[in-house]
């Protein structure tokens, strides 16, 4: 077999996950069933015993295998639990649980073992009531449990809400397992290639093939294909590679909140820097309280509305949100 084929098979086995080992009780029941069947066959009349012996052994082995498989499946079939919830949709997405396929909908529950996939749309899910997981178009993500998912293909964006925030999460990929350290980052899987790009904080990639861990920091990108690694450093935190993530962000509930909170939220969502024209304008943003809702608006429309109702100019240029006018 060729090395590339070996790598592909190894990747498929790893992403499929480990099969659970049958319990001691299940194994004992399987052996007992096989032994009883074997003894019944031995008690048959002697004239036929000689030519039946090979069939006896074959049948006993077959029954043992079937019994172990059945008990393994029964013991391993733990009930599915809720691990995530759909919070935003753009276009259509599909939830697959076993043989069932349903269209994803806002507030829909995502169960362990299910796969969320997109075609031309995008979707965001709240994971463990803390992490924001956002799927770009043409992406499939399997929810393995309360702290683990598998990116089958496509692009996944993770936002923990801030440094050192959010519960642990492991993302299985062809390159290995990825763990976050309070951050915003993207993971892309295309065939056997895995690409990690970090906007905030750090992520750790465990390379099983090398028994090593790679740390990817803010502004870095690591691309892995087999044993090959390609690094890029000093990348911007805003722009085209990131903009899609804001399209399925949950809008901030602004009613009776300071304008300064809205500005902090929208700059973090887009990776922008925040610049005030002077200290007086900055103080005004802390004093002004917003009202109403921004649901259903694009980021540009949000800025336009907030600027209109507060009288404070807002403009974005080259990754900077200027508050109070451009310099």
C-alpha atoms as a PDB file:
ATOM      1  CA  UNK A   1       0.000   0.000   0.000  1.00  0.00           C
ATOM      2  CA  UNK A   2       1.285   3.502  -0.826  1.00  0.00           C
ATOM      3  CA  UNK A   3       2.217   5.965   1.965  1.00  0.00           C
ATOM      4  CA  UNK A   4      -0.567   8.386   0.912  1.00  0.00           C
ATOM      5  CA  UNK A   5      -3.110   5.577   1.127  1.00  0.00           C
ATOM      6  CA  UNK A   6      -1.810   4.623   4.578  1.00  0.00           C
ATOM      7  CA  UNK A   7      -2.192   8.227   5.719  1.00  0.00           C
ATOM      8  CA  UNK A   8      -5.748   8.473   4.336  1.00  0.00           C
ATOM      9  CA  UNK A   9      -6.817   5.253   6.082  1.00  0.00           C
ATOM     10  CA  UNK A  10      -5.194   6.392   9.317  1.00  0.00           C
ATOM     11  CA  UNK A  11      -7.047   9.722   9.077  1.00  0.00           C
ATOM     12  CA  UNK A  12     -10.412   8.062   8.453  1.00  0.00           C
ATOM     13  CA  UNK A  13      -9.939   5.700  11.412  1.00  0.00           C
ATOM     14  CA  UNK A  14      -8.984   8.553  13.731  1.00  0.00           C
ATOM     15  CA  UNK A  15     -11.893  10.807  12.699  1.00  0.00           C
ATOM     16  CA  UNK A  16     -14.367   7.953  12.976  1.00  0.00           C
ATOM     17  CA  UNK A  17     -13.480   7.615  16.673  1.00  0.00           C
ATOM     18  CA  UNK A  18     -12.735   4.603  18.838  1.00  0.00           C
ATOM     19  CA  UNK A  19     -15.273   1.826  19.279  1.00  0.00           C
ATOM     20  CA  UNK A  20     -16.177   1.102  22.856  1.00  0.00           C
ATOM     21  CA  UNK A  21     -14.842  -2.095  24.451  1.00  0.00           C
ATOM     22  CA  UNK A  22     -17.613  -4.504  25.564  1.00  0.00           C
ATOM     23  CA  UNK A  23     -18.159  -4.673  29.308  1.00  0.00           C
ATOM     24  CA  UNK A  24     -17.040  -7.715  31.301  1.00  0.00           C
ATOM     25  CA  UNK A  25     -20.662  -8.773  31.746  1.00  0.00           C
ATOM     26  CA  UNK A  26     -21.336  -8.507  28.016  1.00  0.00           C
ATOM     27  CA  UNK A  27     -18.268 -10.602  27.165  1.00  0.00           C
ATOM     28  CA  UNK A  28     -19.244 -13.240  29.724  1.00  0.00           C
ATOM     29  CA  UNK A  29     -22.758 -13.498  28.311  1.00  0.00           C
ATOM     30  CA  UNK A  30     -21.370 -13.855  24.807  1.00  0.00           C
ATOM     31  CA  UNK A  31     -18.982 -16.638  25.824  1.00  0.00           C
ATOM     32  CA  UNK A  32     -21.766 -18.463  27.671  1.00  0.00           C
ATOM     33  CA  UNK A  33     -24.049 -18.314  24.625  1.00  0.00           C
ATOM     34  CA  UNK A  34     -21.294 -19.651  22.392  1.00  0.00           C
ATOM     35  CA  UNK A  35     -20.407 -22.465  24.831  1.00  0.00           C
ATOM     36  CA  UNK A  36     -24.037 -23.572  25.200  1.00  0.00           C
ATOM     37  CA  UNK A  37     -24.463 -23.703  21.433  1.00  0.00           C
ATOM     38  CA  UNK A  38     -21.242 -25.662  21.061  1.00  0.00           C
ATOM     39  CA  UNK A  39     -22.295 -28.249  23.698  1.00  0.00           C
ATOM     40  CA  UNK A  40     -25.722 -28.743  22.095  1.00  0.00           C
ATOM     41  CA  UNK A  41     -24.025 -29.577  18.820  1.00  0.00           C
ATOM     42  CA  UNK A  42     -21.659 -32.058  20.519  1.00  0.00           C
ATOM     43  CA  UNK A  43     -24.669 -33.959  21.936  1.00  0.00           C
ATOM     44  CA  UNK A  44     -25.885 -34.900  18.428  1.00  0.00           C
ATOM     45  CA  UNK A  45     -25.768 -38.624  17.337  1.00  0.00           C
ATOM     46  CA  UNK A  46     -22.265 -40.082  16.878  1.00  0.00           C
ATOM     47  CA  UNK A  47     -22.562 -41.237  13.199  1.00  0.00           C
ATOM     48  CA  UNK A  48     -22.673 -37.672  12.017  1.00  0.00           C
ATOM     49  CA  UNK A  49     -20.279 -36.270  14.576  1.00  0.00           C
ATOM     50  CA  UNK A  50     -17.088 -36.761  12.522  1.00  0.00           C
ATOM     51  CA  UNK A  51     -18.150 -34.673   9.541  1.00  0.00           C
ATOM     52  CA  UNK A  52     -20.062 -32.183  11.649  1.00  0.00           C
ATOM     53  CA  UNK A  53     -17.111 -31.204  13.889  1.00  0.00           C
ATOM     54  CA  UNK A  54     -15.728 -28.494  11.548  1.00  0.00           C
ATOM     55  CA  UNK A  55     -19.220 -27.030  11.255  1.00  0.00           C
ATOM     56  CA  UNK A  56     -19.597 -27.124  15.039  1.00  0.00           C
ATOM     57  CA  UNK A  57     -16.470 -25.043  15.586  1.00  0.00           C
ATOM     58  CA  UNK A  58     -17.367 -22.606  12.794  1.00  0.00           C
ATOM     59  CA  UNK A  59     -20.894 -22.147  14.106  1.00  0.00           C
ATOM     60  CA  UNK A  60     -19.639 -21.635  17.673  1.00  0.00           C
ATOM     61  CA  UNK A  61     -17.201 -18.981  16.561  1.00  0.00           C
ATOM     62  CA  UNK A  62     -19.874 -17.262  14.486  1.00  0.00           C
ATOM     63  CA  UNK A  63     -22.334 -17.226  17.373  1.00  0.00           C
ATOM     64  CA  UNK A  64     -19.678 -15.833  19.700  1.00  0.00           C
ATOM     65  CA  UNK A  65     -18.879 -13.022  17.281  1.00  0.00           C
ATOM     66  CA  UNK A  66     -22.558 -12.165  16.795  1.00  0.00           C
ATOM     67  CA  UNK A  67     -23.241 -12.240  20.535  1.00  0.00           C
ATOM     68  CA  UNK A  68     -20.300 -10.006  21.373  1.00  0.00           C
ATOM     69  CA  UNK A  69     -21.292  -7.532  18.642  1.00  0.00           C
ATOM     70  CA  UNK A  70     -24.896  -7.392  19.873  1.00  0.00           C
ATOM     71  CA  UNK A  71     -23.953  -6.893  23.504  1.00  0.00           C
ATOM     72  CA  UNK A  72     -21.338  -4.308  22.556  1.00  0.00           C
ATOM     73  CA  UNK A  73     -23.891  -2.328  20.577  1.00  0.00           C
ATOM     74  CA  UNK A  74     -26.418  -2.522  23.403  1.00  0.00           C
ATOM     75  CA  UNK A  75     -23.942  -1.493  26.120  1.00  0.00           C
ATOM     76  CA  UNK A  76     -22.374   1.245  23.992  1.00  0.00           C
ATOM     77  CA  UNK A  77     -25.674   2.833  23.020  1.00  0.00           C
ATOM     78  CA  UNK A  78     -25.584   5.566  25.647  1.00  0.00           C
ATOM     79  CA  UNK A  79     -28.478   8.034  25.397  1.00  0.00           C
ATOM     80  CA  UNK A  80     -27.726  11.207  23.447  1.00  0.00           C
ATOM     81  CA  UNK A  81     -27.555  14.428  25.443  1.00  0.00           C
ATOM     82  CA  UNK A  82     -27.929  18.088  24.492  1.00  0.00           C
ATOM     83  CA  UNK A  83     -24.495  19.623  23.843  1.00  0.00           C
ATOM     84  CA  UNK A  84     -25.297  22.757  21.807  1.00  0.00           C
ATOM     85  CA  UNK A  85     -28.063  25.021  20.532  1.00  0.00           C
ATOM     86  CA  UNK A  86     -28.542  26.774  17.183  1.00  0.00           C
ATOM     87  CA  UNK A  87     -28.433  30.544  17.729  1.00  0.00           C
ATOM     88  CA  UNK A  88     -28.110  32.042  14.233  1.00  0.00           C
ATOM     89  CA  UNK A  89     -28.711  30.956  10.642  1.00  0.00           C
ATOM     90  CA  UNK A  90     -27.925  32.359   7.226  1.00  0.00           C
ATOM     91  CA  UNK A  91     -29.352  30.180   4.479  1.00  0.00           C
ATOM     92  CA  UNK A  92     -30.080  26.510   5.175  1.00  0.00           C
ATOM     93  CA  UNK A  93     -28.281  23.950   7.327  1.00  0.00           C
ATOM     94  CA  UNK A  94     -28.944  20.310   8.174  1.00  0.00           C
ATOM     95  CA  UNK A  95     -28.837  18.376  11.437  1.00  0.00           C
ATOM     96  CA  UNK A  96     -28.260  14.620  11.115  1.00  0.00           C
ATOM     97  CA  UNK A  97     -28.828  12.311  14.095  1.00  0.00           C
ATOM     98  CA  UNK A  98     -28.485   8.655  13.149  1.00  0.00           C
ATOM     99  CA  UNK A  99     -30.780   8.054  10.165  1.00  0.00           C
ATOM    100  CA  UNK A 100     -32.750  11.232  10.851  1.00  0.00           C
ATOM    101  CA  UNK A 101     -32.102  14.419   8.856  1.00  0.00           C
ATOM    102  CA  UNK A 102     -33.756  17.702   9.843  1.00  0.00           C
ATOM    103  CA  UNK A 103     -33.451  21.290   8.702  1.00  0.00           C
ATOM    104  CA  UNK A 104     -31.657  23.337  11.360  1.00  0.00           C
ATOM    105  CA  UNK A 105     -33.769  26.041  12.959  1.00  0.00           C
ATOM    106  CA  UNK A 106     -33.144  28.789  15.537  1.00  0.00           C
ATOM    107  CA  UNK A 107     -33.112  27.443  19.121  1.00  0.00           C
ATOM    108  CA  UNK A 108     -32.925  23.843  17.844  1.00  0.00           C
ATOM    109  CA  UNK A 109     -31.107  21.496  20.217  1.00  0.00           C
ATOM    110  CA  UNK A 110     -27.962  19.740  19.006  1.00  0.00           C
ATOM    111  CA  UNK A 111     -27.508  16.279  20.498  1.00  0.00           C
ATOM    112  CA  UNK A 112     -24.281  14.387  21.085  1.00  0.00           C
ATOM    113  CA  UNK A 113     -23.440  12.191  18.103  1.00  0.00           C
ATOM    114  CA  UNK A 114     -25.210  14.477  15.626  1.00  0.00           C
ATOM    115  CA  UNK A 115     -23.639  16.233  12.634  1.00  0.00           C
ATOM    116  CA  UNK A 116     -24.386  19.819  11.650  1.00  0.00           C
ATOM    117  CA  UNK A 117     -23.665  20.625   8.005  1.00  0.00           C
ATOM    118  CA  UNK A 118     -24.060  23.576   5.640  1.00  0.00           C
ATOM    119  CA  UNK A 119     -24.287  23.865   1.869  1.00  0.00           C
ATOM    120  CA  UNK A 120     -24.359  27.500   0.742  1.00  0.00           C
ATOM    121  CA  UNK A 121     -25.481  28.843   4.106  1.00  0.00           C
ATOM    122  CA  UNK A 122     -23.841  29.483   7.470  1.00  0.00           C
ATOM    123  CA  UNK A 123     -24.828  28.631  11.020  1.00  0.00           C
ATOM    124  CA  UNK A 124     -23.790  29.487  14.578  1.00  0.00           C
ATOM    125  CA  UNK A 125     -24.257  27.292  17.640  1.00  0.00           C
ATOM    126  CA  UNK A 126     -23.819  27.969  21.327  1.00  0.00           C
ATOM    127  CA  UNK A 127     -21.696  25.100  22.667  1.00  0.00           C
ATOM    128  CA  UNK A 128     -21.836  24.203  26.371  1.00  0.00           C
ATOM    129  CA  UNK A 129     -23.762  27.480  26.867  1.00  0.00           C
ATOM    130  CA  UNK A 130     -20.499  29.402  26.508  1.00  0.00           C
ATOM    131  CA  UNK A 131     -18.555  28.915  23.281  1.00  0.00           C
ATOM    132  CA  UNK A 132     -19.686  30.285  19.924  1.00  0.00           C
ATOM    133  CA  UNK A 133     -19.080  27.769  17.125  1.00  0.00           C
ATOM    134  CA  UNK A 134     -19.730  29.166  13.636  1.00  0.00           C
ATOM    135  CA  UNK A 135     -19.738  27.088  10.458  1.00  0.00           C
ATOM    136  CA  UNK A 136     -18.966  28.637   7.099  1.00  0.00           C
ATOM    137  CA  UNK A 137     -20.552  27.408   3.866  1.00  0.00           C
ATOM    138  CA  UNK A 138     -19.752  23.808   2.818  1.00  0.00           C
ATOM    139  CA  UNK A 139     -18.808  22.660   6.321  1.00  0.00           C
ATOM    140  CA  UNK A 140     -19.676  19.595   8.426  1.00  0.00           C
ATOM    141  CA  UNK A 141     -19.103  19.366  12.182  1.00  0.00           C
ATOM    142  CA  UNK A 142     -19.804  16.317  14.339  1.00  0.00           C
ATOM    143  CA  UNK A 143     -20.645  16.887  18.005  1.00  0.00           C
ATOM    144  CA  UNK A 144     -18.965  14.003  19.826  1.00  0.00           C
ATOM    145  CA  UNK A 145     -19.712  15.119  23.397  1.00  0.00           C
ATOM    146  CA  UNK A 146     -19.741  17.974  25.891  1.00  0.00           C
ATOM    147  CA  UNK A 147     -16.093  18.851  25.262  1.00  0.00           C
ATOM    148  CA  UNK A 148     -15.223  17.408  21.849  1.00  0.00           C
ATOM    149  CA  UNK A 149     -16.197  17.930  18.192  1.00  0.00           C
ATOM    150  CA  UNK A 150     -14.805  16.621  14.904  1.00  0.00           C
ATOM    151  CA  UNK A 151     -14.393  18.939  11.909  1.00  0.00           C
ATOM    152  CA  UNK A 152     -15.100  16.611   8.986  1.00  0.00           C
ATOM    153  CA  UNK A 153     -14.581  19.282   6.321  1.00  0.00           C
ATOM    154  CA  UNK A 154     -14.954  23.016   5.770  1.00  0.00           C
ATOM    155  CA  UNK A 155     -14.242  25.996   8.041  1.00  0.00           C
ATOM    156  CA  UNK A 156     -15.060  26.403  11.734  1.00  0.00           C
ATOM    157  CA  UNK A 157     -14.723  29.620  13.766  1.00  0.00           C
ATOM    158  CA  UNK A 158     -14.504  29.460  17.560  1.00  0.00           C
ATOM    159  CA  UNK A 159     -15.040  32.365  19.970  1.00  0.00           C
ATOM    160  CA  UNK A 160     -14.673  31.645  23.674  1.00  0.00           C
ATOM    161  CA  UNK A 161     -15.800  35.135  24.669  1.00  0.00           C
ATOM    162  CA  UNK A 162     -12.388  36.317  25.831  1.00  0.00           C
ATOM    163  CA  UNK A 163      -9.013  35.197  27.120  1.00  0.00           C
ATOM    164  CA  UNK A 164      -9.129  32.470  29.775  1.00  0.00           C
ATOM    165  CA  UNK A 165     -12.897  32.203  29.313  1.00  0.00           C
ATOM    166  CA  UNK A 166     -15.139  29.345  28.271  1.00  0.00           C
ATOM    167  CA  UNK A 167     -15.044  25.594  28.947  1.00  0.00           C
ATOM    168  CA  UNK A 168     -12.451  23.231  27.449  1.00  0.00           C
ATOM    169  CA  UNK A 169     -12.984  22.174  23.844  1.00  0.00           C
ATOM    170  CA  UNK A 170     -11.115  19.663  21.683  1.00  0.00           C
ATOM    171  CA  UNK A 171     -11.465  19.753  17.891  1.00  0.00           C
ATOM    172  CA  UNK A 172     -10.420  16.574  16.076  1.00  0.00           C
ATOM    173  CA  UNK A 173      -8.819  17.144  12.654  1.00  0.00           C
ATOM    174  CA  UNK A 174      -6.617  15.144  10.251  1.00  0.00           C
ATOM    175  CA  UNK A 175      -3.591  16.985  11.721  1.00  0.00           C
ATOM    176  CA  UNK A 176      -4.435  16.040  15.310  1.00  0.00           C
ATOM    177  CA  UNK A 177      -6.435  17.395  18.237  1.00  0.00           C
ATOM    178  CA  UNK A 178      -6.769  21.160  18.705  1.00  0.00           C
ATOM    179  CA  UNK A 179      -7.366  22.717  22.127  1.00  0.00           C
ATOM    180  CA  UNK A 180      -8.066  26.398  22.702  1.00  0.00           C
ATOM    181  CA  UNK A 181      -6.622  28.704  25.348  1.00  0.00           C
ATOM    182  CA  UNK A 182      -9.387  31.337  25.521  1.00  0.00           C
ATOM    183  CA  UNK A 183      -9.377  32.704  22.009  1.00  0.00           C
ATOM    184  CA  UNK A 184     -10.872  33.492  18.615  1.00  0.00           C
ATOM    185  CA  UNK A 185      -9.612  31.266  15.820  1.00  0.00           C
ATOM    186  CA  UNK A 186     -10.497  29.423  12.626  1.00  0.00           C
ATOM    187  CA  UNK A 187      -9.859  25.814  11.640  1.00  0.00           C
ATOM    188  CA  UNK A 188     -10.184  24.682   8.037  1.00  0.00           C
ATOM    189  CA  UNK A 189     -10.128  21.069   6.841  1.00  0.00           C
ATOM    190  CA  UNK A 190      -9.840  20.265   3.136  1.00  0.00           C
ATOM    191  CA  UNK A 191      -9.005  16.632   2.425  1.00  0.00           C
ATOM    192  CA  UNK A 192      -5.893  15.797   4.462  1.00  0.00           C
ATOM    193  CA  UNK A 193      -4.920  19.461   4.872  1.00  0.00           C
ATOM    194  CA  UNK A 194      -5.642  21.289   8.138  1.00  0.00           C
ATOM    195  CA  UNK A 195      -5.198  25.053   8.495  1.00  0.00           C
ATOM    196  CA  UNK A 196      -5.320  26.957  11.807  1.00  0.00           C
ATOM    197  CA  UNK A 197      -5.463  30.765  11.985  1.00  0.00           C
ATOM    198  CA  UNK A 198      -5.629  32.645  15.307  1.00  0.00           C
ATOM    199  CA  UNK A 199      -7.089  36.102  15.876  1.00  0.00           C
ATOM    200  CA  UNK A 200      -6.848  36.259  19.678  1.00  0.00           C
ATOM    201  CA  UNK A 201      -5.146  34.125  22.334  1.00  0.00           C
ATOM    202  CA  UNK A 202      -3.554  30.770  21.452  1.00  0.00           C
ATOM    203  CA  UNK A 203      -4.442  27.246  20.380  1.00  0.00           C
ATOM    204  CA  UNK A 204      -2.529  24.026  20.918  1.00  0.00           C
ATOM    205  CA  UNK A 205      -2.305  21.381  18.180  1.00  0.00           C
ATOM    206  CA  UNK A 206      -1.339  17.903  19.352  1.00  0.00           C
ATOM    207  CA  UNK A 207       0.570  16.180  16.516  1.00  0.00           C
ATOM    208  CA  UNK A 208       0.024  12.466  17.211  1.00  0.00           C
ATOM    209  CA  UNK A 209       2.253  11.453  14.303  1.00  0.00           C
ATOM    210  CA  UNK A 210       5.188  13.280  15.919  1.00  0.00           C
ATOM    211  CA  UNK A 211       4.166  13.048  19.572  1.00  0.00           C
ATOM    212  CA  UNK A 212       4.568  16.840  19.721  1.00  0.00           C
ATOM    213  CA  UNK A 213       2.431  19.905  20.457  1.00  0.00           C
ATOM    214  CA  UNK A 214       2.403  23.065  18.365  1.00  0.00           C
ATOM    215  CA  UNK A 215       1.269  26.399  19.868  1.00  0.00           C
ATOM    216  CA  UNK A 216      -0.308  28.829  17.393  1.00  0.00           C
ATOM    217  CA  UNK A 217      -0.498  32.432  18.645  1.00  0.00           C
ATOM    218  CA  UNK A 218      -2.496  35.496  17.589  1.00  0.00           C
ATOM    219  CA  UNK A 219      -1.592  36.603  14.068  1.00  0.00           C
ATOM    220  CA  UNK A 220      -0.172  33.176  13.165  1.00  0.00           C
ATOM    221  CA  UNK A 221      -1.351  30.567  10.679  1.00  0.00           C
ATOM    222  CA  UNK A 222      -0.244  26.931  10.600  1.00  0.00           C
ATOM    223  CA  UNK A 223      -1.008  24.635   7.651  1.00  0.00           C
ATOM    224  CA  UNK A 224      -0.430  20.898   8.103  1.00  0.00           C
ATOM    225  CA  UNK A 225      -0.410  18.165   5.448  1.00  0.00           C
ATOM    226  CA  UNK A 226       0.970  14.870   6.669  1.00  0.00           C
ATOM    227  CA  UNK A 227       4.393  15.609   8.172  1.00  0.00           C
ATOM    228  CA  UNK A 228       4.689  18.938   6.351  1.00  0.00           C
ATOM    229  CA  UNK A 229       4.106  22.194   8.254  1.00  0.00           C
ATOM    230  CA  UNK A 230       3.884  25.690   6.779  1.00  0.00           C
ATOM    231  CA  UNK A 231       3.814  28.777   9.042  1.00  0.00           C
ATOM    232  CA  UNK A 232       2.772  32.377   8.412  1.00  0.00           C
ATOM    233  CA  UNK A 233       3.199  35.155  10.976  1.00  0.00           C
ATOM    234  CA  UNK A 234       2.023  38.731  11.495  1.00  0.00           C
ATOM    235  CA  UNK A 235      -1.317  38.291   9.716  1.00  0.00           C
ATOM    236  CA  UNK A 236      -4.077  40.921  10.196  1.00  0.00           C
ATOM    237  CA  UNK A 237      -6.972  40.243  12.546  1.00  0.00           C
ATOM    238  CA  UNK A 238      -9.553  41.721  10.180  1.00  0.00           C
ATOM    239  CA  UNK A 239     -10.492  41.528   6.528  1.00  0.00           C
ATOM    240  CA  UNK A 240     -11.861  38.989   4.078  1.00  0.00           C
ATOM    241  CA  UNK A 241     -10.754  35.756   5.824  1.00  0.00           C
ATOM    242  CA  UNK A 242     -12.674  36.799   8.947  1.00  0.00           C
ATOM    243  CA  UNK A 243     -15.661  38.782   7.702  1.00  0.00           C
ATOM    244  CA  UNK A 244     -17.943  35.789   7.173  1.00  0.00           C
ATOM    245  CA  UNK A 245     -17.924  35.079  10.928  1.00  0.00           C
ATOM    246  CA  UNK A 246     -19.777  38.309  11.736  1.00  0.00           C
ATOM    247  CA  UNK A 247     -22.674  37.390   9.424  1.00  0.00           C
ATOM    248  CA  UNK A 248     -23.862  34.739  11.928  1.00  0.00           C
ATOM    249  CA  UNK A 249     -22.852  36.538  15.121  1.00  0.00           C
ATOM    250  CA  UNK A 250     -25.588  36.934  17.728  1.00  0.00           C
ATOM    251  CA  UNK A 251     -26.407  40.636  17.866  1.00  0.00           C
ATOM    252  CA  UNK A 252     -25.651  42.382  21.149  1.00  0.00           C
ATOM    253  CA  UNK A 253     -28.725  43.198  23.249  1.00  0.00           C
ATOM    254  CA  UNK A 254     -28.153  46.958  23.426  1.00  0.00           C
ATOM    255  CA  UNK A 255     -31.262  48.101  25.287  1.00  0.00           C
ATOM    256  CA  UNK A 256     -30.194  50.308  28.238  1.00  0.00           C
ATOM    257  CA  UNK A 257     -26.508  49.503  27.682  1.00  0.00           C
ATOM    258  CA  UNK A 258     -23.723  52.085  27.376  1.00  0.00           C
ATOM    259  CA  UNK A 259     -22.640  52.928  23.842  1.00  0.00           C
ATOM    260  CA  UNK A 260     -19.081  51.988  24.891  1.00  0.00           C
ATOM    261  CA  UNK A 261     -20.163  48.334  25.336  1.00  0.00           C
ATOM    262  CA  UNK A 262     -21.544  48.234  21.804  1.00  0.00           C
ATOM    263  CA  UNK A 263     -18.304  49.692  20.408  1.00  0.00           C
ATOM    264  CA  UNK A 264     -16.210  47.135  22.305  1.00  0.00           C
ATOM    265  CA  UNK A 265     -18.425  44.290  21.059  1.00  0.00           C
ATOM    266  CA  UNK A 266     -18.462  45.235  17.372  1.00  0.00           C
ATOM    267  CA  UNK A 267     -14.702  45.886  17.213  1.00  0.00           C
ATOM    268  CA  UNK A 268     -14.012  42.467  18.766  1.00  0.00           C
ATOM    269  CA  UNK A 269     -16.366  40.745  16.317  1.00  0.00           C
ATOM    270  CA  UNK A 270     -14.465  42.230  13.365  1.00  0.00           C
ATOM    271  CA  UNK A 271     -10.939  42.346  14.784  1.00  0.00           C
ATOM    272  CA  UNK A 272     -10.857  46.137  14.475  1.00  0.00           C
ATOM    273  CA  UNK A 273      -8.961  48.590  16.648  1.00  0.00           C
ATOM    274  CA  UNK A 274     -10.927  51.297  18.473  1.00  0.00           C
ATOM    275  CA  UNK A 275      -9.838  54.936  18.221  1.00  0.00           C
ATOM    276  CA  UNK A 276     -11.527  57.934  19.898  1.00  0.00           C
ATOM    277  CA  UNK A 277     -11.034  61.421  18.493  1.00  0.00           C
ATOM    278  CA  UNK A 278     -10.572  62.811  22.024  1.00  0.00           C
ATOM    279  CA  UNK A 279     -11.196  62.061  25.696  1.00  0.00           C
ATOM    280  CA  UNK A 280     -14.485  63.969  25.764  1.00  0.00           C
ATOM    281  CA  UNK A 281     -15.955  61.718  23.047  1.00  0.00           C
ATOM    282  CA  UNK A 282     -14.759  58.631  24.914  1.00  0.00           C
ATOM    283  CA  UNK A 283     -16.470  59.808  28.112  1.00  0.00           C
ATOM    284  CA  UNK A 284     -19.684  60.472  26.177  1.00  0.00           C
ATOM    285  CA  UNK A 285     -19.770  56.873  24.905  1.00  0.00           C
ATOM    286  CA  UNK A 286     -19.757  55.653  28.515  1.00  0.00           C
ATOM    287  CA  UNK A 287     -22.541  58.040  29.509  1.00  0.00           C
ATOM    288  CA  UNK A 288     -24.894  57.460  26.546  1.00  0.00           C
ATOM    289  CA  UNK A 289     -27.360  54.573  26.971  1.00  0.00           C
ATOM    290  CA  UNK A 290     -28.695  52.844  23.866  1.00  0.00           C
ATOM    291  CA  UNK A 291     -32.266  51.603  23.396  1.00  0.00           C
ATOM    292  CA  UNK A 292     -34.074  49.331  20.969  1.00  0.00           C
ATOM    293  CA  UNK A 293     -32.621  46.388  19.060  1.00  0.00           C
ATOM    294  CA  UNK A 294     -30.028  45.725  16.356  1.00  0.00           C
ATOM    295  CA  UNK A 295     -31.345  42.285  15.381  1.00  0.00           C
ATOM    296  CA  UNK A 296     -31.291  41.593  11.650  1.00  0.00           C
ATOM    297  CA  UNK A 297     -28.936  44.457  10.794  1.00  0.00           C
ATOM    298  CA  UNK A 298     -25.549  44.188   9.093  1.00  0.00           C
ATOM    299  CA  UNK A 299     -22.539  45.637  10.887  1.00  0.00           C
ATOM    300  CA  UNK A 300     -22.548  48.656   8.591  1.00  0.00           C
ATOM    301  CA  UNK A 301     -26.239  49.260   9.325  1.00  0.00           C
ATOM    302  CA  UNK A 302     -25.613  48.932  13.066  1.00  0.00           C
ATOM    303  CA  UNK A 303     -22.905  51.602  12.963  1.00  0.00           C
ATOM    304  CA  UNK A 304     -25.103  53.883  10.884  1.00  0.00           C
ATOM    305  CA  UNK A 305     -28.062  53.570  13.280  1.00  0.00           C
ATOM    306  CA  UNK A 306     -25.999  54.065  16.458  1.00  0.00           C
ATOM    307  CA  UNK A 307     -24.246  57.063  14.945  1.00  0.00           C
ATOM    308  CA  UNK A 308     -27.600  58.569  13.921  1.00  0.00           C
ATOM    309  CA  UNK A 309     -29.277  58.242  17.333  1.00  0.00           C
ATOM    310  CA  UNK A 310     -26.227  59.348  19.377  1.00  0.00           C
ATOM    311  CA  UNK A 311     -24.914  62.071  17.101  1.00  0.00           C
ATOM    312  CA  UNK A 312     -21.388  60.652  17.327  1.00  0.00           C
ATOM    313  CA  UNK A 313     -19.728  59.959  13.937  1.00  0.00           C
ATOM    314  CA  UNK A 314     -18.570  56.360  13.399  1.00  0.00           C
ATOM    315  CA  UNK A 315     -16.401  55.238  10.495  1.00  0.00           C
ATOM    316  CA  UNK A 316     -14.202  52.228   9.665  1.00  0.00           C
ATOM    317  CA  UNK A 317     -10.950  52.546   7.758  1.00  0.00           C
ATOM    318  CA  UNK A 318      -8.118  49.989   7.404  1.00  0.00           C
ATOM    319  CA  UNK A 319      -9.202  47.923  10.363  1.00  0.00           C
ATOM    320  CA  UNK A 320      -9.796  50.886  12.714  1.00  0.00           C
ATOM    321  CA  UNK A 321     -13.193  52.059  14.025  1.00  0.00           C
ATOM    322  CA  UNK A 322     -12.938  55.824  14.383  1.00  0.00           C
ATOM    323  CA  UNK A 323     -15.262  57.323  16.984  1.00  0.00           C
ATOM    324  CA  UNK A 324     -15.929  61.034  16.728  1.00  0.00           C
ATOM    325  CA  UNK A 325     -14.556  61.563  13.239  1.00  0.00           C
ATOM    326  CA  UNK A 326     -11.569  60.547  11.103  1.00  0.00           C
ATOM    327  CA  UNK A 327      -8.178  62.116  11.635  1.00  0.00           C
END
